[in-house]
C-alpha atoms as a PDB file:
ATOM      1  CA  MET A   1     -56.405 -11.056 -16.902  1.00  0.00           C
ATOM      2  CA  PRO A   2     -54.612 -12.646 -19.796  1.00  0.00           C
ATOM      3  CA  ASN A   3     -56.260 -10.319 -22.219  1.00  0.00           C
ATOM      4  CA  SER A   4     -55.342  -7.246 -20.637  1.00  0.00           C
ATOM      5  CA  LEU A   5     -52.399  -5.960 -22.468  1.00  0.00           C
ATOM      6  CA  PRO A   6     -53.821  -6.625 -26.017  1.00  0.00           C
ATOM      7  CA  ILE A   7     -57.132  -4.715 -24.824  1.00  0.00           C
ATOM      8  CA  LEU A   8     -54.937  -1.809 -23.567  1.00  0.00           C
ATOM      9  CA  ALA A   9     -53.028  -1.843 -26.900  1.00  0.00           C
ATOM     10  CA  LEU A  10     -56.422  -1.754 -28.608  1.00  0.00           C
ATOM     11  CA  CYS A  11     -57.903   1.025 -26.539  1.00  0.00           C
ATOM     12  CA  ALA A  12     -54.787   2.976 -26.960  1.00  0.00           C
ATOM     13  CA  VAL A  13     -54.906   2.785 -30.712  1.00  0.00           C
ATOM     14  CA  LEU A  14     -58.589   3.408 -30.789  1.00  0.00           C
ATOM     15  CA  ALA A  15     -58.130   6.531 -28.480  1.00  0.00           C
ATOM     16  CA  TYR A  16     -55.313   8.028 -30.957  1.00  0.00           C
ATOM     17  CA  LEU A  17     -57.586   7.500 -33.834  1.00  0.00           C
ATOM     18  CA  LEU A  18     -60.526   9.554 -32.204  1.00  0.00           C
ATOM     19  CA  GLY A  19     -58.086  12.109 -30.765  1.00  0.00           C
ATOM     20  CA  SER A  20     -56.735  12.535 -34.214  1.00  0.00           C
ATOM     21  CA  ILE A  21     -60.127  13.951 -35.752  1.00  0.00           C
ATOM     22  CA  PRO A  22     -59.672  17.380 -36.490  1.00  0.00           C
ATOM     23  CA  PHE A  23     -62.964  18.836 -35.962  1.00  0.00           C
ATOM     24  CA  GLY A  24     -61.826  22.464 -36.544  1.00  0.00           C
ATOM     25  CA  LEU A  25     -60.798  21.610 -39.873  1.00  0.00           C
ATOM     26  CA  ILE A  26     -63.781  19.733 -40.853  1.00  0.00           C
ATOM     27  CA  LEU A  27     -66.393  22.246 -39.354  1.00  0.00           C
ATOM     28  CA  THR A  28     -64.674  25.290 -41.204  1.00  0.00           C
ATOM     29  CA  ARG A  29     -64.613  23.380 -44.325  1.00  0.00           C
ATOM     30  CA  MET A  30     -68.129  22.121 -43.802  1.00  0.00           C
ATOM     31  CA  PHE A  31     -69.658  25.445 -43.329  1.00  0.00           C
ATOM     32  CA  GLY A  32     -67.748  27.601 -45.699  1.00  0.00           C
ATOM     33  CA  ALA A  33     -65.192  29.243 -43.541  1.00  0.00           C
ATOM     34  CA  GLY A  34     -62.086  28.022 -45.549  1.00  0.00           C
ATOM     35  CA  ASP A  35     -58.896  25.806 -44.830  1.00  0.00           C
ATOM     36  CA  LEU A  36     -58.265  26.482 -41.008  1.00  0.00           C
ATOM     37  CA  ARG A  37     -54.664  25.702 -41.571  1.00  0.00           C
ATOM     38  CA  LYS A  38     -54.246  29.009 -43.874  1.00  0.00           C
ATOM     39  CA  ILE A  39     -56.043  31.383 -41.287  1.00  0.00           C
ATOM     40  CA  GLY A  40     -54.682  32.989 -38.306  1.00  0.00           C
ATOM     41  CA  SER A  41     -52.092  31.026 -36.638  1.00  0.00           C
ATOM     42  CA  GLY A  42     -52.778  27.930 -38.933  1.00  0.00           C
ATOM     43  CA  ASN A  43     -53.678  25.839 -35.843  1.00  0.00           C
ATOM     44  CA  ILE A  44     -56.495  23.635 -35.954  1.00  0.00           C
ATOM     45  CA  GLY A  45     -58.212  24.460 -32.496  1.00  0.00           C
ATOM     46  CA  ALA A  46     -61.092  26.562 -31.173  1.00  0.00           C
ATOM     47  CA  THR A  47     -59.131  29.540 -30.609  1.00  0.00           C
ATOM     48  CA  ASN A  48     -58.202  29.673 -34.145  1.00  0.00           C
ATOM     49  CA  VAL A  49     -61.583  29.029 -35.321  1.00  0.00           C
ATOM     50  CA  LEU A  50     -62.624  32.089 -33.450  1.00  0.00           C
ATOM     51  CA  ARG A  51     -60.466  34.173 -35.921  1.00  0.00           C
ATOM     52  CA  THR A  52     -62.649  33.291 -38.676  1.00  0.00           C
ATOM     53  CA  GLY A  53     -65.607  35.244 -36.765  1.00  0.00           C
ATOM     54  CA  ARG A  54     -67.795  31.921 -36.612  1.00  0.00           C
ATOM     55  CA  ARG A  55     -68.207  31.839 -32.810  1.00  0.00           C
ATOM     56  CA  GLY A  56     -70.468  29.337 -33.093  1.00  0.00           C
ATOM     57  CA  LEU A  57     -67.763  27.198 -35.071  1.00  0.00           C
ATOM     58  CA  ALA A  58     -65.495  28.023 -32.229  1.00  0.00           C
ATOM     59  CA  ALA A  59     -67.562  26.858 -29.726  1.00  0.00           C
ATOM     60  CA  ALA A  60     -68.719  23.419 -31.382  1.00  0.00           C
ATOM     61  CA  THR A  61     -65.031  22.700 -31.880  1.00  0.00           C
ATOM     62  CA  LEU A  62     -64.164  23.384 -28.262  1.00  0.00           C
ATOM     63  CA  ILE A  63     -66.927  20.942 -27.383  1.00  0.00           C
ATOM     64  CA  LEU A  64     -65.903  18.490 -29.881  1.00  0.00           C
ATOM     65  CA  ASP A  65     -62.290  18.388 -29.343  1.00  0.00           C
ATOM     66  CA  GLY A  66     -62.831  18.174 -25.402  1.00  0.00           C
ATOM     67  CA  GLY A  67     -65.590  15.526 -26.128  1.00  0.00           C
ATOM     68  CA  LYS A  68     -63.480  13.081 -28.155  1.00  0.00           C
ATOM     69  CA  GLY A  69     -61.109  12.992 -25.303  1.00  0.00           C
ATOM     70  CA  ALA A  70     -63.869  12.329 -22.616  1.00  0.00           C
ATOM     71  CA  VAL A  71     -65.407   9.652 -24.663  1.00  0.00           C
ATOM     72  CA  ALA A  72     -62.102   7.864 -25.209  1.00  0.00           C
ATOM     73  CA  VAL A  73     -61.625   7.899 -21.424  1.00  0.00           C
ATOM     74  CA  LEU A  74     -65.181   6.729 -20.499  1.00  0.00           C
ATOM     75  CA  VAL A  75     -65.100   3.885 -23.030  1.00  0.00           C
ATOM     76  CA  ALA A  76     -61.680   2.526 -21.932  1.00  0.00           C
ATOM     77  CA  ASN A  77     -62.682   2.909 -18.347  1.00  0.00           C
ATOM     78  CA  HIS A  78     -64.810  -0.110 -18.845  1.00  0.00           C
ATOM     79  CA  PHE A  79     -61.675  -2.239 -19.072  1.00  0.00           C
ATOM     80  CA  GLY A  80     -60.073  -0.826 -15.728  1.00  0.00           C
ATOM     81  CA  PRO A  81     -58.270   2.571 -14.768  1.00  0.00           C
ATOM     82  CA  ASP A  82     -54.954   1.742 -16.270  1.00  0.00           C
ATOM     83  CA  THR A  83     -56.641   1.591 -19.570  1.00  0.00           C
ATOM     84  CA  ALA A  84     -58.606   4.708 -19.211  1.00  0.00           C
ATOM     85  CA  VAL A  85     -55.387   6.763 -18.322  1.00  0.00           C
ATOM     86  CA  ALA A  86     -53.670   4.844 -21.229  1.00  0.00           C
ATOM     87  CA  ALA A  87     -56.690   6.163 -23.743  1.00  0.00           C
ATOM     88  CA  ALA A  88     -56.599   9.467 -22.058  1.00  0.00           C
ATOM     89  CA  GLY A  89     -52.961  10.255 -22.863  1.00  0.00           C
ATOM     90  CA  PHE A  90     -53.384   8.750 -26.520  1.00  0.00           C
ATOM     91  CA  SER A  91     -56.371  10.613 -27.309  1.00  0.00           C
ATOM     92  CA  VAL A  92     -54.352  13.857 -26.368  1.00  0.00           C
ATOM     93  CA  VAL A  93     -51.262  12.703 -28.524  1.00  0.00           C
ATOM     94  CA  GLY A  94     -53.842  11.941 -31.364  1.00  0.00           C
ATOM     95  CA  HIS A  95     -54.864  15.327 -31.191  1.00  0.00           C
ATOM     96  CA  LEU A  96     -51.337  16.994 -31.217  1.00  0.00           C
ATOM     97  CA  PHE A  97     -50.036  14.612 -34.043  1.00  0.00           C
ATOM     98  CA  PRO A  98     -52.955  13.303 -36.092  1.00  0.00           C
ATOM     99  CA  VAL A  99     -51.769  10.821 -38.804  1.00  0.00           C
ATOM    100  CA  TRP A 100     -54.270  12.230 -41.292  1.00  0.00           C
ATOM    101  CA  LEU A 101     -52.646  15.766 -41.136  1.00  0.00           C
ATOM    102  CA  ARG A 102     -48.876  14.542 -41.450  1.00  0.00           C
ATOM    103  CA  PHE A 103     -48.873  14.714 -37.706  1.00  0.00           C
ATOM    104  CA  LYS A 104     -49.344  18.296 -37.567  1.00  0.00           C
ATOM    105  CA  GLY A 105     -52.310  18.744 -35.022  1.00  0.00           C
ATOM    106  CA  GLY A 106     -53.531  21.135 -32.536  1.00  0.00           C
ATOM    107  CA  LYS A 107     -52.180  22.428 -29.276  1.00  0.00           C
ATOM    108  CA  GLY A 108     -54.424  19.971 -27.014  1.00  0.00           C
ATOM    109  CA  VAL A 109     -56.002  22.201 -24.317  1.00  0.00           C
ATOM    110  CA  ALA A 110     -59.825  21.283 -25.248  1.00  0.00           C
ATOM    111  CA  THR A 111     -58.878  17.646 -25.595  1.00  0.00           C
ATOM    112  CA  ALA A 112     -56.700  17.708 -22.477  1.00  0.00           C
ATOM    113  CA  LEU A 113     -59.415  19.497 -20.366  1.00  0.00           C
ATOM    114  CA  GLY A 114     -61.881  16.430 -21.758  1.00  0.00           C
ATOM    115  CA  VAL A 115     -59.759  13.965 -20.744  1.00  0.00           C
ATOM    116  CA  LEU A 116     -59.349  15.563 -17.023  1.00  0.00           C
ATOM    117  CA  LEU A 117     -62.941  15.915 -16.989  1.00  0.00           C
ATOM    118  CA  ALA A 118     -63.325  12.262 -17.300  1.00  0.00           C
ATOM    119  CA  VAL A 119     -60.546  10.712 -15.805  1.00  0.00           C
ATOM    120  CA  ALA A 120     -60.337  13.137 -12.561  1.00  0.00           C
ATOM    121  CA  PRO A 121     -63.521  15.380 -12.787  1.00  0.00           C
ATOM    122  CA  TYR A 122     -62.311  17.598  -9.601  1.00  0.00           C
ATOM    123  CA  VAL A 123     -59.313  18.377 -11.479  1.00  0.00           C
ATOM    124  CA  GLY A 124     -60.930  19.138 -14.706  1.00  0.00           C
ATOM    125  CA  LEU A 125     -63.444  21.379 -13.288  1.00  0.00           C
ATOM    126  CA  ILE A 126     -60.555  23.037 -11.322  1.00  0.00           C
ATOM    127  CA  ALA A 127     -58.622  23.552 -14.622  1.00  0.00           C
ATOM    128  CA  CYS A 128     -61.675  24.829 -16.540  1.00  0.00           C
ATOM    129  CA  LEU A 129     -62.585  27.285 -13.942  1.00  0.00           C
ATOM    130  CA  VAL A 130     -59.064  28.521 -13.983  1.00  0.00           C
ATOM    131  CA  TRP A 131     -58.936  28.972 -17.863  1.00  0.00           C
ATOM    132  CA  LEU A 132     -61.973  30.969 -17.352  1.00  0.00           C
ATOM    133  CA  LEU A 133     -60.492  33.332 -14.794  1.00  0.00           C
ATOM    134  CA  VAL A 134     -57.188  33.851 -16.470  1.00  0.00           C
ATOM    135  CA  ALA A 135     -58.922  34.229 -19.883  1.00  0.00           C
ATOM    136  CA  VAL A 136     -61.498  36.872 -18.603  1.00  0.00           C
ATOM    137  CA  LEU A 137     -58.812  38.866 -16.737  1.00  0.00           C
ATOM    138  CA  SER A 138     -55.817  38.749 -19.091  1.00  0.00           C
ATOM    139  CA  ARG A 139     -57.751  37.930 -22.351  1.00  0.00           C
ATOM    140  CA  TYR A 140     -54.930  35.813 -23.231  1.00  0.00           C
ATOM    141  CA  SER A 141     -56.186  32.393 -24.494  1.00  0.00           C
ATOM    142  CA  SER A 142     -52.645  30.928 -24.430  1.00  0.00           C
ATOM    143  CA  LEU A 143     -51.913  32.079 -20.907  1.00  0.00           C
ATOM    144  CA  ALA A 144     -55.153  30.906 -19.464  1.00  0.00           C
ATOM    145  CA  ALA A 145     -54.405  27.678 -20.928  1.00  0.00           C
ATOM    146  CA  LEU A 146     -50.901  27.248 -19.726  1.00  0.00           C
ATOM    147  CA  ILE A 147     -51.734  28.076 -16.244  1.00  0.00           C
ATOM    148  CA  ALA A 148     -55.042  25.650 -16.143  1.00  0.00           C
ATOM    149  CA  ILE A 149     -53.112  23.084 -17.386  1.00  0.00           C
ATOM    150  CA  GLY A 150     -49.930  23.627 -15.282  1.00  0.00           C
ATOM    151  CA  THR A 151     -52.231  23.449 -12.126  1.00  0.00           C
ATOM    152  CA  SER A 152     -53.774  20.417 -12.914  1.00  0.00           C
ATOM    153  CA  PRO A 153     -50.772  17.905 -11.697  1.00  0.00           C
ATOM    154  CA  LEU A 154     -50.874  19.544  -8.369  1.00  0.00           C
ATOM    155  CA  ALA A 155     -54.518  19.169  -8.012  1.00  0.00           C
ATOM    156  CA  ALA A 156     -54.526  15.657  -9.154  1.00  0.00           C
ATOM    157  CA  TRP A 157     -51.770  14.733  -6.392  1.00  0.00           C
ATOM    158  CA  PHE A 158     -53.613  16.046  -3.732  1.00  0.00           C
ATOM    159  CA  LEU A 159     -57.520  15.313  -4.933  1.00  0.00           C
ATOM    160  CA  TYR A 160     -56.668  12.017  -6.393  1.00  0.00           C
ATOM    161  CA  ASP A 161     -53.677   9.094  -6.863  1.00  0.00           C
ATOM    162  CA  PRO A 162     -49.927   9.430  -8.112  1.00  0.00           C
ATOM    163  CA  GLN A 163     -51.393   7.693 -11.409  1.00  0.00           C
ATOM    164  CA  ARG A 164     -53.638  10.324 -12.225  1.00  0.00           C
ATOM    165  CA  ALA A 165     -51.115  13.137 -11.114  1.00  0.00           C
ATOM    166  CA  ALA A 166     -48.548  11.529 -13.502  1.00  0.00           C
ATOM    167  CA  LEU A 167     -51.092  11.736 -16.299  1.00  0.00           C
ATOM    168  CA  ALA A 168     -51.924  15.316 -15.529  1.00  0.00           C
ATOM    169  CA  LEU A 169     -48.008  16.201 -15.710  1.00  0.00           C
ATOM    170  CA  ALA A 170     -47.429  14.196 -18.785  1.00  0.00           C
ATOM    171  CA  LEU A 171     -50.628  16.386 -20.227  1.00  0.00           C
ATOM    172  CA  ALA A 172     -49.189  19.539 -18.899  1.00  0.00           C
ATOM    173  CA  VAL A 173     -45.515  18.905 -20.493  1.00  0.00           C
ATOM    174  CA  LEU A 174     -47.090  18.051 -23.891  1.00  0.00           C
ATOM    175  CA  VAL A 175     -49.093  21.457 -23.860  1.00  0.00           C
ATOM    176  CA  PHE A 176     -46.588  23.429 -23.058  1.00  0.00           C
ATOM    177  CA  ILE A 177     -44.329  22.259 -25.616  1.00  0.00           C
ATOM    178  CA  ARG A 178     -46.737  22.701 -27.995  1.00  0.00           C
ATOM    179  CA  HIS A 179     -46.905  26.327 -26.956  1.00  0.00           C
ATOM    180  CA  HIS A 180     -43.600  27.105 -27.007  1.00  0.00           C
ATOM    181  CA  GLU A 181     -44.198  29.929 -29.517  1.00  0.00           C
ATOM    182  CA  ASN A 182     -46.964  31.430 -27.588  1.00  0.00           C
ATOM    183  CA  ILE A 183     -44.626  31.278 -24.647  1.00  0.00           C
ATOM    184  CA  ALA A 184     -42.414  33.303 -26.817  1.00  0.00           C
ATOM    185  CA  ARG A 185     -44.984  35.948 -27.589  1.00  0.00           C
ATOM    186  CA  LEU A 186     -46.021  36.453 -24.285  1.00  0.00           C
ATOM    187  CA  ARG A 187     -42.694  37.010 -23.025  1.00  0.00           C
ATOM    188  CA  ALA A 188     -42.150  39.384 -25.678  1.00  0.00           C
ATOM    189  CA  GLY A 189     -45.584  41.152 -25.396  1.00  0.00           C
ATOM    190  CA  THR A 190     -46.585  40.306 -28.623  1.00  0.00           C
ATOM    191  CA  GLU A 191     -49.286  37.609 -28.048  1.00  0.00           C
ATOM    192  CA  GLY A 192     -52.553  38.092 -29.541  1.00  0.00           C
ATOM    193  CA  LYS A 193     -55.611  38.808 -27.008  1.00  0.00           C
ATOM    194  CA  ILE A 194     -59.124  36.925 -27.231  1.00  0.00           C
ATOM    195  CA  LYS A 195     -61.585  39.620 -28.719  1.00  0.00           C
ATOM    196  CA  LEU A 196     -64.393  39.737 -26.378  1.00  0.00           C
ATOM    197  CA  SER A 197     -66.573  42.056 -28.615  1.00  0.00           C
ATOM    198  CA  ARG A 198     -66.628  43.319 -31.996  1.00  0.00           C
ATOM    199  CA  GLN A 199     -65.127  46.929 -30.533  1.00  0.00           C
ATOM    200  CA  SER A 200     -62.163  44.917 -28.653  1.00  0.00           C
END
């Protein structure tokens, strides 16, 4: 197909732009919760939105951050699997390094999970279940994210194909890099836990 490379490039750019939409920041400002970058960890993701005490906004951020990755993949998939994989990667990169925020974005967990649910549904489902299980048992959101994303390359290798396993591995590397501070705190025993209730 003579136009395949331009289409792939266009889908990659659009996926990056879609992924770069900072829904957490937009929602917290829209509903009067302040500038998310000045709250808690300063991260723009759902976990930090939860620190504002607005659970509804946190849930909406989680869904929208995951949804933008899924939408990018599903739209690009109309042009072939290679384009879908490229869109998957670039949407996560957009979330991690959004041009609008001077390339200081989120940690990519929700967007990566959304991407995996779209490009390799069984892997995405496994990752979501692993995240939920580890989060409930340990109450560490970061640990749950790292284990969930960390298991996805192996699951993709056995359930799908090398291309999607490579994508899952690339996403895992990016997520682990963005969580380097969380990893240090987990090792030091100073990482904050998820508050399951007002009394937690």
